[in-house]
PDB file of N, CA and C in Angstrom:
ATOM      1  N   MET A   1      13.498   8.792  66.521  1.00  0.00           N
ATOM      2  CA  MET A   1      12.472   8.451  65.550  1.00  0.00           C
ATOM      3  C   MET A   1      12.075   9.709  64.780  1.00  0.00           C
ATOM      4  N   LEU A   2      11.700   9.487  63.511  1.00  0.00           N
ATOM      5  CA  LEU A   2      11.334  10.621  62.672  1.00  0.00           C
ATOM      6  C   LEU A   2       9.902  11.049  62.947  1.00  0.00           C
ATOM      7  N   ALA A   3       9.676  12.320  62.868  1.00  0.00           N
ATOM      8  CA  ALA A   3       8.364  12.880  63.173  1.00  0.00           C
ATOM      9  C   ALA A   3       7.394  12.605  62.029  1.00  0.00           C
ATOM     10  N   PRO A   4       6.107  12.550  62.341  1.00  0.00           N
ATOM     11  CA  PRO A   4       5.105  12.315  61.290  1.00  0.00           C
ATOM     12  C   PRO A   4       5.116  13.405  60.222  1.00  0.00           C
ATOM     13  N   ARG A   5       5.516  14.602  60.575  1.00  0.00           N
ATOM     14  CA  ARG A   5       5.584  15.674  59.574  1.00  0.00           C
ATOM     15  C   ARG A   5       6.618  15.331  58.498  1.00  0.00           C
ATOM     16  N   TYR A   6       7.695  14.696  58.901  1.00  0.00           N
ATOM     17  CA  TYR A   6       8.736  14.312  57.954  1.00  0.00           C
ATOM     18  C   TYR A   6       8.176  13.333  56.930  1.00  0.00           C
ATOM     19  N   TRP A   7       7.465  12.331  57.410  1.00  0.00           N
ATOM     20  CA  TRP A   7       6.895  11.326  56.501  1.00  0.00           C
ATOM     21  C   TRP A   7       5.830  11.953  55.601  1.00  0.00           C
ATOM     22  N   THR A   8       5.062  12.865  56.137  1.00  0.00           N
ATOM     23  CA  THR A   8       4.048  13.546  55.325  1.00  0.00           C
ATOM     24  C   THR A   8       4.714  14.381  54.235  1.00  0.00           C
ATOM     25  N   ALA A   9       5.748  15.113  54.622  1.00  0.00           N
ATOM     26  CA  ALA A   9       6.467  15.936  53.638  1.00  0.00           C
ATOM     27  C   ALA A   9       7.146  15.061  52.593  1.00  0.00           C
ATOM     28  N   LEU A  10       7.739  13.957  53.019  1.00  0.00           N
ATOM     29  CA  LEU A  10       8.386  13.034  52.086  1.00  0.00           C
ATOM     30  C   LEU A  10       7.360  12.414  51.131  1.00  0.00           C
ATOM     31  N   GLY A  11       6.219  12.048  51.657  1.00  0.00           N
ATOM     32  CA  GLY A  11       5.150  11.480  50.818  1.00  0.00           C
ATOM     33  C   GLY A  11       4.635  12.486  49.800  1.00  0.00           C
ATOM     34  N   LEU A  12       4.423  13.718  50.236  1.00  0.00           N
ATOM     35  CA  LEU A  12       3.937  14.758  49.315  1.00  0.00           C
ATOM     36  C   LEU A  12       4.992  15.091  48.260  1.00  0.00           C
ATOM     37  N   ALA A  13       6.260  15.120  48.641  1.00  0.00           N
ATOM     38  CA  ALA A  13       7.329  15.388  47.678  1.00  0.00           C
ATOM     39  C   ALA A  13       7.431  14.256  46.657  1.00  0.00           C
ATOM     40  N   SER A  14       7.276  13.018  47.133  1.00  0.00           N
ATOM     41  CA  SER A  14       7.298  11.869  46.210  1.00  0.00           C
ATOM     42  C   SER A  14       6.125  11.936  45.244  1.00  0.00           C
ATOM     43  N   LEU A  15       4.963  12.268  45.749  1.00  0.00           N
ATOM     44  CA  LEU A  15       3.776  12.396  44.896  1.00  0.00           C
ATOM     45  C   LEU A  15       3.962  13.510  43.874  1.00  0.00           C
ATOM     46  N   LEU A  16       4.537  14.622  44.297  1.00  0.00           N
ATOM     47  CA  LEU A  16       4.807  15.724  43.381  1.00  0.00           C
ATOM     48  C   LEU A  16       5.799  15.292  42.298  1.00  0.00           C
ATOM     49  N   GLY A  17       6.838  14.559  42.696  1.00  0.00           N
ATOM     50  CA  GLY A  17       7.813  14.057  41.724  1.00  0.00           C
ATOM     51  C   GLY A  17       7.166  13.106  40.732  1.00  0.00           C
ATOM     52  N   LEU A  18       6.290  12.233  41.203  1.00  0.00           N
ATOM     53  CA  LEU A  18       5.592  11.298  40.315  1.00  0.00           C
ATOM     54  C   LEU A  18       4.687  12.052  39.334  1.00  0.00           C
ATOM     55  N   LEU A  19       3.993  13.065  39.802  1.00  0.00           N
ATOM     56  CA  LEU A  19       3.123  13.852  38.926  1.00  0.00           C
ATOM     57  C   LEU A  19       3.938  14.623  37.889  1.00  0.00           C
ATOM     58  N   GLN A  20       5.081  15.161  38.299  1.00  0.00           N
ATOM     59  CA  GLN A  20       5.941  15.857  37.342  1.00  0.00           C
ATOM     60  C   GLN A  20       6.460  14.891  36.275  1.00  0.00           C
ATOM     61  N   TYR A  21       6.828  13.691  36.696  1.00  0.00           N
ATOM     62  CA  TYR A  21       7.292  12.693  35.733  1.00  0.00           C
ATOM     63  C   TYR A  21       6.190  12.385  34.720  1.00  0.00           C
ATOM     64  N   GLN A  22       4.973  12.182  35.210  1.00  0.00           N
ATOM     65  CA  GLN A  22       3.856  11.901  34.316  1.00  0.00           C
ATOM     66  C   GLN A  22       3.607  13.067  33.364  1.00  0.00           C
ATOM     67  N   LEU A  23       3.771  14.282  33.856  1.00  0.00           N
ATOM     68  CA  LEU A  23       3.530  15.467  33.040  1.00  0.00           C
ATOM     69  C   LEU A  23       4.550  15.584  31.909  1.00  0.00           C
ATOM     70  N   TRP A  24       5.801  15.260  32.156  1.00  0.00           N
ATOM     71  CA  TRP A  24       6.854  15.469  31.169  1.00  0.00           C
ATOM     72  C   TRP A  24       7.265  14.217  30.421  1.00  0.00           C
ATOM     73  N   GLN A  25       7.106  13.032  30.997  1.00  0.00           N
ATOM     74  CA  GLN A  25       7.606  11.824  30.352  1.00  0.00           C
ATOM     75  C   GLN A  25       6.557  10.736  30.155  1.00  0.00           C
ATOM     76  N   GLY A  26       5.519  10.718  30.908  1.00  0.00           N
ATOM     77  CA  GLY A  26       4.558   9.621  30.893  1.00  0.00           C
ATOM     78  C   GLY A  26       3.595   9.699  29.726  1.00  0.00           C
ATOM     79  N   ARG A  27       2.610   8.805  29.782  1.00  0.00           N
ATOM     80  CA  ARG A  27       1.578   8.779  28.751  1.00  0.00           C
ATOM     81  C   ARG A  27       0.735  10.044  28.857  1.00  0.00           C
ATOM     82  N   GLY A  28       0.535  10.732  27.744  1.00  0.00           N
ATOM     83  CA  GLY A  28      -0.224  11.978  27.747  1.00  0.00           C
ATOM     84  C   GLY A  28       0.617  13.162  28.193  1.00  0.00           C
ATOM     85  N   SER A  29       1.933  13.049  28.055  1.00  0.00           N
ATOM     86  CA  SER A  29       2.823  14.132  28.473  1.00  0.00           C
ATOM     87  C   SER A  29       2.685  15.325  27.529  1.00  0.00           C
ATOM     88  N   LEU A  30       3.196  16.455  27.961  1.00  0.00           N
ATOM     89  CA  LEU A  30       3.105  17.670  27.145  1.00  0.00           C
ATOM     90  C   LEU A  30       3.769  17.518  25.775  1.00  0.00           C
ATOM     91  N   PRO A  31       4.977  16.938  25.679  1.00  0.00           N
ATOM     92  CA  PRO A  31       5.565  16.759  24.338  1.00  0.00           C
ATOM     93  C   PRO A  31       4.719  15.846  23.441  1.00  0.00           C
ATOM     94  N   GLN A  32       4.143  14.820  24.028  1.00  0.00           N
ATOM     95  CA  GLN A  32       3.312  13.914  23.244  1.00  0.00           C
ATOM     96  C   GLN A  32       2.030  14.613  22.779  1.00  0.00           C
ATOM     97  N   VAL A  33       1.445  15.428  23.623  1.00  0.00           N
ATOM     98  CA  VAL A  33       0.245  16.182  23.253  1.00  0.00           C
ATOM     99  C   VAL A  33       0.565  17.133  22.104  1.00  0.00           C
ATOM    100  N   GLU A  34       1.714  17.794  22.153  1.00  0.00           N
ATOM    101  CA  GLU A  34       2.112  18.707  21.078  1.00  0.00           C
ATOM    102  C   GLU A  34       2.306  17.941  19.767  1.00  0.00           C
ATOM    103  N   SER A  35       2.896  16.758  19.865  1.00  0.00           N
ATOM    104  CA  SER A  35       3.073  15.925  18.676  1.00  0.00           C
ATOM    105  C   SER A  35       1.716  15.551  18.078  1.00  0.00           C
ATOM    106  N   TYR A  36       0.779  15.188  18.936  1.00  0.00           N
ATOM    107  CA  TYR A  36      -0.567  14.854  18.461  1.00  0.00           C
ATOM    108  C   TYR A  36      -1.244  16.060  17.809  1.00  0.00           C
ATOM    109  N   ARG A  37      -1.019  17.239  18.355  1.00  0.00           N
ATOM    110  CA  ARG A  37      -1.603  18.446  17.754  1.00  0.00           C
ATOM    111  C   ARG A  37      -1.057  18.688  16.356  1.00  0.00           C
ATOM    112  N   GLN A  38       0.252  18.483  16.178  1.00  0.00           N
ATOM    113  CA  GLN A  38       0.856  18.649  14.848  1.00  0.00           C
ATOM    114  C   GLN A  38       0.303  17.623  13.869  1.00  0.00           C
ATOM    115  N   GLN A  39       0.185  16.380  14.326  1.00  0.00           N
ATOM    116  CA  GLN A  39      -0.376  15.334  13.465  1.00  0.00           C
ATOM    117  C   GLN A  39      -1.819  15.658  13.089  1.00  0.00           C
ATOM    118  N   LEU A  40      -2.568  16.183  14.033  1.00  0.00           N
ATOM    119  CA  LEU A  40      -3.957  16.558  13.770  1.00  0.00           C
ATOM    120  C   LEU A  40      -4.029  17.678  12.744  1.00  0.00           C
ATOM    121  N   ALA A  41      -3.143  18.669  12.855  1.00  0.00           N
ATOM    122  CA  ALA A  41      -3.135  19.777  11.896  1.00  0.00           C
ATOM    123  C   ALA A  41      -2.793  19.267  10.496  1.00  0.00           C
ATOM    124  N   GLU A  42      -1.813  18.371  10.391  1.00  0.00           N
ATOM    125  CA  GLU A  42      -1.449  17.807   9.090  1.00  0.00           C
ATOM    126  C   GLU A  42      -2.604  17.001   8.502  1.00  0.00           C
ATOM    127  N   GLN A  43      -3.254  16.205   9.326  1.00  0.00           N
ATOM    128  CA  GLN A  43      -4.375  15.399   8.838  1.00  0.00           C
ATOM    129  C   GLN A  43      -5.544  16.287   8.427  1.00  0.00           C
ATOM    130  N   THR A  44      -5.764  17.375   9.147  1.00  0.00           N
ATOM    131  CA  THR A  44      -6.836  18.308   8.796  1.00  0.00           C
ATOM    132  C   THR A  44      -6.568  18.932   7.433  1.00  0.00           C
ATOM    133  N   ARG A  45      -5.294  19.322   7.179  1.00  0.00           N
ATOM    134  CA  ARG A  45      -4.946  19.870   5.857  1.00  0.00           C
ATOM    135  C   ARG A  45      -5.151  18.831   4.755  1.00  0.00           C
ATOM    136  N   ALA A  46      -4.715  17.603   5.017  1.00  0.00           N
ATOM    137  CA  ALA A  46      -4.879  16.540   4.023  1.00  0.00           C
ATOM    138  C   ALA A  46      -6.364  16.273   3.757  1.00  0.00           C
ATOM    139  N   ASN A  47      -7.170  16.294   4.802  1.00  0.00           N
ATOM    140  CA  ASN A  47      -8.613  16.078   4.638  1.00  0.00           C
ATOM    141  C   ASN A  47      -9.245  17.202   3.814  1.00  0.00           C
ATOM    142  N   GLU A  48      -8.808  18.431   4.049  1.00  0.00           N
ATOM    143  CA  GLU A  48      -9.361  19.565   3.298  1.00  0.00           C
ATOM    144  C   GLU A  48      -9.011  19.452   1.818  1.00  0.00           C
ATOM    145  N   GLN A  49      -7.769  19.072   1.516  1.00  0.00           N
ATOM    146  CA  GLN A  49      -7.367  18.886   0.124  1.00  0.00           C
ATOM    147  C   GLN A  49      -8.172  17.765  -0.519  1.00  0.00           C
ATOM    148  N   ALA A  50      -8.371  16.673   0.206  1.00  0.00           N
ATOM    149  CA  ALA A  50      -9.152  15.557  -0.326  1.00  0.00           C
ATOM    150  C   ALA A  50     -10.607  15.970  -0.539  1.00  0.00           C
ATOM    151  N   ARG A  51     -11.143  16.775   0.383  1.00  0.00           N
ATOM    152  CA  ARG A  51     -12.528  17.224   0.241  1.00  0.00           C
ATOM    153  C   ARG A  51     -12.693  18.091  -1.008  1.00  0.00           C
ATOM    154  N   LEU A  52     -11.737  19.005  -1.241  1.00  0.00           N
ATOM    155  CA  LEU A  52     -11.804  19.850  -2.430  1.00  0.00           C
ATOM    156  C   LEU A  52     -11.706  19.014  -3.703  1.00  0.00           C
ATOM    157  N   ARG A  53     -10.805  18.038  -3.707  1.00  0.00           N
ATOM    158  CA  ARG A  53     -10.652  17.161  -4.876  1.00  0.00           C
ATOM    159  C   ARG A  53     -11.923  16.342  -5.103  1.00  0.00           C
ATOM    160  N   ASN A  54     -12.524  15.859  -4.018  1.00  0.00           N
ATOM    161  CA  ASN A  54     -13.767  15.101  -4.139  1.00  0.00           C
ATOM    162  C   ASN A  54     -14.891  15.961  -4.711  1.00  0.00           C
ATOM    163  N   GLU A  55     -14.960  17.216  -4.280  1.00  0.00           N
ATOM    164  CA  GLU A  55     -15.979  18.119  -4.815  1.00  0.00           C
ATOM    165  C   GLU A  55     -15.769  18.346  -6.307  1.00  0.00           C
ATOM    166  N   GLN A  56     -14.506  18.505  -6.715  1.00  0.00           N
ATOM    167  CA  GLN A  56     -14.205  18.694  -8.127  1.00  0.00           C
ATOM    168  C   GLN A  56     -14.591  17.454  -8.931  1.00  0.00           C
ATOM    169  N   LEU A  57     -14.250  16.282  -8.423  1.00  0.00           N
ATOM    170  CA  LEU A  57     -14.605  15.048  -9.123  1.00  0.00           C
ATOM    171  C   LEU A  57     -16.121  14.848  -9.171  1.00  0.00           C
ATOM    172  N   ALA A  58     -16.805  15.199  -8.086  1.00  0.00           N
ATOM    173  CA  ALA A  58     -18.269  15.074  -8.068  1.00  0.00           C
ATOM    174  C   ALA A  58     -18.884  16.000  -9.116  1.00  0.00           C
ATOM    175  N   GLY A  59     -18.331  17.188  -9.279  1.00  0.00           N
ATOM    176  CA  GLY A  59     -18.821  18.104 -10.319  1.00  0.00           C
ATOM    177  C   GLY A  59     -18.592  17.547 -11.711  1.00  0.00           C
ATOM    178  N   GLU A  60     -17.424  16.946 -11.933  1.00  0.00           N
ATOM    179  CA  GLU A  60     -17.152  16.350 -13.242  1.00  0.00           C
ATOM    180  C   GLU A  60     -18.092  15.183 -13.510  1.00  0.00           C
ATOM    181  N   VAL A  61     -18.358  14.365 -12.506  1.00  0.00           N
ATOM    182  CA  VAL A  61     -19.284  13.240 -12.673  1.00  0.00           C
ATOM    183  C   VAL A  61     -20.670  13.758 -13.001  1.00  0.00           C
ATOM    184  N   ARG A  62     -21.085  14.806 -12.292  1.00  0.00           N
ATOM    185  CA  ARG A  62     -22.407  15.394 -12.544  1.00  0.00           C
ATOM    186  C   ARG A  62     -22.496  15.908 -13.984  1.00  0.00           C
ATOM    187  N   ASP A  63     -21.420  16.576 -14.440  1.00  0.00           N
ATOM    188  CA  ASP A  63     -21.407  17.068 -15.818  1.00  0.00           C
ATOM    189  C   ASP A  63     -21.463  15.927 -16.820  1.00  0.00           C
ATOM    190  N   LEU A  64     -20.738  14.854 -16.535  1.00  0.00           N
ATOM    191  CA  LEU A  64     -20.748  13.708 -17.448  1.00  0.00           C
ATOM    192  C   LEU A  64     -22.114  13.034 -17.484  1.00  0.00           C
ATOM    193  N   GLN A  65     -22.790  12.999 -16.360  1.00  0.00           N
ATOM    194  CA  GLN A  65     -24.107  12.382 -16.317  1.00  0.00           C
ATOM    195  C   GLN A  65     -25.152  13.252 -17.003  1.00  0.00           C
ATOM    196  N   GLU A  66     -24.982  14.568 -16.946  1.00  0.00           N
ATOM    197  CA  GLU A  66     -25.991  15.465 -17.496  1.00  0.00           C
ATOM    198  C   GLU A  66     -25.894  15.635 -19.003  1.00  0.00           C
ATOM    199  N   GLY A  67     -24.733  15.516 -19.564  1.00  0.00           N
ATOM    200  CA  GLY A  67     -24.652  15.726 -21.003  1.00  0.00           C
ATOM    201  C   GLY A  67     -23.279  15.429 -21.548  1.00  0.00           C
ATOM    202  N   LEU A  68     -23.159  15.630 -22.838  1.00  0.00           N
ATOM    203  CA  LEU A  68     -21.915  15.321 -23.518  1.00  0.00           C
ATOM    204  C   LEU A  68     -21.000  16.540 -23.622  1.00  0.00           C
ATOM    205  N   THR A  69     -21.390  17.641 -23.041  1.00  0.00           N
ATOM    206  CA  THR A  69     -20.582  18.855 -23.143  1.00  0.00           C
ATOM    207  C   THR A  69     -19.198  18.645 -22.548  1.00  0.00           C
ATOM    208  N   MET A  70     -19.145  18.015 -21.407  1.00  0.00           N
ATOM    209  CA  MET A  70     -17.859  17.781 -20.754  1.00  0.00           C
ATOM    210  C   MET A  70     -17.011  16.804 -21.568  1.00  0.00           C
ATOM    211  N   VAL A  71     -17.633  15.781 -22.107  1.00  0.00           N
ATOM    212  CA  VAL A  71     -16.899  14.812 -22.925  1.00  0.00           C
ATOM    213  C   VAL A  71     -16.315  15.506 -24.144  1.00  0.00           C
ATOM    214  N   GLU A  72     -17.107  16.350 -24.766  1.00  0.00           N
ATOM    215  CA  GLU A  72     -16.629  17.071 -25.940  1.00  0.00           C
ATOM    216  C   GLU A  72     -15.476  18.005 -25.577  1.00  0.00           C
ATOM    217  N   GLU A  73     -15.590  18.682 -24.447  1.00  0.00           N
ATOM    218  CA  GLU A  73     -14.535  19.595 -24.027  1.00  0.00           C
ATOM    219  C   GLU A  73     -13.227  18.850 -23.762  1.00  0.00           C
ATOM    220  N   ILE A  74     -13.323  17.717 -23.080  1.00  0.00           N
ATOM    221  CA  ILE A  74     -12.124  16.923 -22.812  1.00  0.00           C
ATOM    222  C   ILE A  74     -11.531  16.410 -24.114  1.00  0.00           C
ATOM    223  N   ALA A  75     -12.372  15.947 -25.018  1.00  0.00           N
ATOM    224  CA  ALA A  75     -11.881  15.435 -26.297  1.00  0.00           C
ATOM    225  C   ALA A  75     -11.216  16.537 -27.113  1.00  0.00           C
ATOM    226  N   ARG A  76     -11.740  17.728 -27.066  1.00  0.00           N
ATOM    227  CA  ARG A  76     -11.146  18.835 -27.818  1.00  0.00           C
ATOM    228  C   ARG A  76      -9.772  19.211 -27.267  1.00  0.00           C
ATOM    229  N   TYR A  77      -9.676  19.352 -25.948  1.00  0.00           N
ATOM    230  CA  TYR A  77      -8.427  19.824 -25.354  1.00  0.00           C
ATOM    231  C   TYR A  77      -7.372  18.731 -25.253  1.00  0.00           C
ATOM    232  N   GLU A  78      -7.757  17.527 -24.893  1.00  0.00           N
ATOM    233  CA  GLU A  78      -6.769  16.479 -24.677  1.00  0.00           C
ATOM    234  C   GLU A  78      -6.488  15.658 -25.930  1.00  0.00           C
ATOM    235  N   LEU A  79      -7.473  15.487 -26.792  1.00  0.00           N
ATOM    236  CA  LEU A  79      -7.304  14.631 -27.959  1.00  0.00           C
ATOM    237  C   LEU A  79      -7.292  15.395 -29.274  1.00  0.00           C
ATOM    238  N   GLY A  80      -7.557  16.688 -29.248  1.00  0.00           N
ATOM    239  CA  GLY A  80      -7.544  17.491 -30.466  1.00  0.00           C
ATOM    240  C   GLY A  80      -8.710  17.199 -31.388  1.00  0.00           C
ATOM    241  N   MET A  81      -9.873  16.896 -30.858  1.00  0.00           N
ATOM    242  CA  MET A  81     -11.045  16.563 -31.663  1.00  0.00           C
ATOM    243  C   MET A  81     -11.538  17.787 -32.444  1.00  0.00           C
ATOM    244  N   VAL A  82     -11.927  17.553 -33.676  1.00  0.00           N
ATOM    245  CA  VAL A  82     -12.517  18.586 -34.521  1.00  0.00           C
ATOM    246  C   VAL A  82     -13.817  18.010 -35.071  1.00  0.00           C
ATOM    247  N   LYS A  83     -14.889  18.789 -34.997  1.00  0.00           N
ATOM    248  CA  LYS A  83     -16.187  18.328 -35.494  1.00  0.00           C
ATOM    249  C   LYS A  83     -16.203  18.341 -37.015  1.00  0.00           C
ATOM    250  N   PRO A  84     -17.112  17.564 -37.613  1.00  0.00           N
ATOM    251  CA  PRO A  84     -17.267  17.648 -39.073  1.00  0.00           C
ATOM    252  C   PRO A  84     -17.721  19.054 -39.454  1.00  0.00           C
ATOM    253  N   ASN A  85     -17.302  19.506 -40.623  1.00  0.00           N
ATOM    254  CA  ASN A  85     -17.624  20.836 -41.142  1.00  0.00           C
ATOM    255  C   ASN A  85     -17.075  21.943 -40.251  1.00  0.00           C
ATOM    256  N   GLU A  86     -16.023  21.664 -39.505  1.00  0.00           N
ATOM    257  CA  GLU A  86     -15.400  22.648 -38.636  1.00  0.00           C
ATOM    258  C   GLU A  86     -13.956  22.827 -39.103  1.00  0.00           C
ATOM    259  N   VAL A  87     -13.497  24.051 -39.127  1.00  0.00           N
ATOM    260  CA  VAL A  87     -12.138  24.346 -39.591  1.00  0.00           C
ATOM    261  C   VAL A  87     -11.276  24.623 -38.362  1.00  0.00           C
ATOM    262  N   PHE A  88     -10.156  23.956 -38.285  1.00  0.00           N
ATOM    263  CA  PHE A  88      -9.223  24.151 -37.169  1.00  0.00           C
ATOM    264  C   PHE A  88      -8.142  25.117 -37.601  1.00  0.00           C
ATOM    265  N   VAL A  89      -8.006  26.209 -36.863  1.00  0.00           N
ATOM    266  CA  VAL A  89      -6.992  27.217 -37.164  1.00  0.00           C
ATOM    267  C   VAL A  89      -6.106  27.347 -35.943  1.00  0.00           C
ATOM    268  N   GLN A  90      -4.804  27.210 -36.155  1.00  0.00           N
ATOM    269  CA  GLN A  90      -3.869  27.364 -35.050  1.00  0.00           C
ATOM    270  C   GLN A  90      -3.060  28.623 -35.302  1.00  0.00           C
ATOM    271  N   VAL A  91      -3.097  29.518 -34.331  1.00  0.00           N
ATOM    272  CA  VAL A  91      -2.392  30.778 -34.460  1.00  0.00           C
ATOM    273  C   VAL A  91      -1.168  30.714 -33.553  1.00  0.00           C
ATOM    274  N   GLY A  92      -0.031  31.008 -34.121  1.00  0.00           N
ATOM    275  CA  GLY A  92       1.200  31.002 -33.338  1.00  0.00           C
ATOM    276  C   GLY A  92       1.825  32.381 -33.373  1.00  0.00           C
ATOM    277  N   THR A  93       2.811  32.582 -32.542  1.00  0.00           N
ATOM    278  CA  THR A  93       3.510  33.854 -32.531  1.00  0.00           C
ATOM    279  C   THR A  93       4.859  33.673 -33.201  1.00  0.00           C
ATOM    280  N   HIS A  94       5.230  34.660 -33.985  1.00  0.00           N
ATOM    281  CA  HIS A  94       6.508  34.619 -34.678  1.00  0.00           C
ATOM    282  C   HIS A  94       7.170  35.959 -34.450  1.00  0.00           C
ATOM    283  N   SER A  95       8.349  35.940 -33.840  1.00  0.00           N
ATOM    284  CA  SER A  95       8.964  37.202 -33.466  1.00  0.00           C
ATOM    285  C   SER A  95       9.978  37.702 -34.494  1.00  0.00           C
ATOM    286  N   GLY A  96      10.339  36.892 -35.449  1.00  0.00           N
ATOM    287  CA  GLY A  96      11.344  37.294 -36.434  1.00  0.00           C
ATOM    288  C   GLY A  96      10.712  37.980 -37.639  1.00  0.00           C
ATOM    289  N   PRO A  97      11.539  38.330 -38.630  1.00  0.00           N
ATOM    290  CA  PRO A  97      10.996  38.936 -39.847  1.00  0.00           C
ATOM    291  C   PRO A  97      10.166  37.905 -40.611  1.00  0.00           C
ATOM    292  N   PRO A  98       9.238  38.371 -41.439  1.00  0.00           N
ATOM    293  CA  PRO A  98       8.391  37.431 -42.179  1.00  0.00           C
ATOM    294  C   PRO A  98       9.249  36.579 -43.124  1.00  0.00           C
ATOM    295  N   ARG A  99       8.875  35.322 -43.197  1.00  0.00           N
ATOM    296  CA  ARG A  99       9.615  34.420 -44.074  1.00  0.00           C
ATOM    297  C   ARG A  99       9.032  34.498 -45.476  1.00  0.00           C
ATOM    298  N   GLU A 100       9.926  34.335 -46.413  1.00  0.00           N
ATOM    299  CA  GLU A 100       9.469  34.336 -47.813  1.00  0.00           C
ATOM    300  C   GLU A 100       9.052  32.926 -48.185  1.00  0.00           C
ATOM    301  N   ALA A 101       8.155  32.852 -49.139  1.00  0.00           N
ATOM    302  CA  ALA A 101       7.704  31.555 -49.619  1.00  0.00           C
ATOM    303  C   ALA A 101       8.859  30.873 -50.361  1.00  0.00           C
ATOM    304  N   PRO A 102       8.979  29.558 -50.233  1.00  0.00           N
ATOM    305  CA  PRO A 102      10.046  28.880 -50.964  1.00  0.00           C
ATOM    306  C   PRO A 102       9.821  29.033 -52.465  1.00  0.00           C
ATOM    307  N   PRO A 103      10.879  29.047 -53.213  1.00  0.00           N
ATOM    308  CA  PRO A 103      10.721  29.190 -54.680  1.00  0.00           C
ATOM    309  C   PRO A 103       9.989  27.990 -55.255  1.00  0.00           C
ATOM    310  N   GLN A 104       9.114  28.299 -56.220  1.00  0.00           N
ATOM    311  CA  GLN A 104       8.355  27.260 -56.889  1.00  0.00           C
ATOM    312  C   GLN A 104       9.221  26.584 -57.957  1.00  0.00           C
ATOM    313  N   PRO A 105       9.172  25.266 -58.035  1.00  0.00           N
ATOM    314  CA  PRO A 105       9.960  24.618 -59.082  1.00  0.00           C
ATOM    315  C   PRO A 105       9.376  24.965 -60.458  1.00  0.00           C
ATOM    316  N   THR A 106      10.239  25.157 -61.380  1.00  0.00           N
ATOM    317  CA  THR A 106       9.806  25.498 -62.734  1.00  0.00           C
ATOM    318  C   THR A 106       9.668  24.235 -63.551  1.00  0.00           C
ATOM    319  N   LYS A 107       8.690  24.266 -64.431  1.00  0.00           N
ATOM    320  CA  LYS A 107       8.472  23.104 -65.298  1.00  0.00           C
ATOM    321  C   LYS A 107       9.329  23.265 -66.544  1.00  0.00           C
ATOM    322  N   PRO A 108      10.035  22.249 -66.945  1.00  0.00           N
ATOM    323  CA  PRO A 108      10.878  22.364 -68.150  1.00  0.00           C
ATOM    324  C   PRO A 108      10.104  22.288 -69.439  1.00  0.00           C
TER     325      PRO A 108
END
C-alpha cells in the first residue's frame, strides 16, 4: 500500500499543476492580462485625443455664441469673404524675370 506521504505529495503536485495552468492558460492568465493592458493603453490614447478635440470644439462653440468674430474668420478663410469698402490684395511670389505688359492694340 502507498504511504500517506505519497498521496499528499501527489495532491500538492496536482494542485501546483492546476495553479500553473490557471496562471498561463486560464481566465485572467498573464498573456490575457498583458493584452488587456495594451487595450487599455490604446483606449487611453483614444480618449485623450477625443478629449482634446472636444475641448477645441467647445472653444469654437463658445466663440460662436459670444460673437460673430469666429463666423467672420471662417467666412474669410474658407469662403473668401470680403467686406464692403474693403480691398482684397493677393500677393504671390514670382521667381522668374519680370514679364512685360502685352502690346496694346492700335486703333486704325
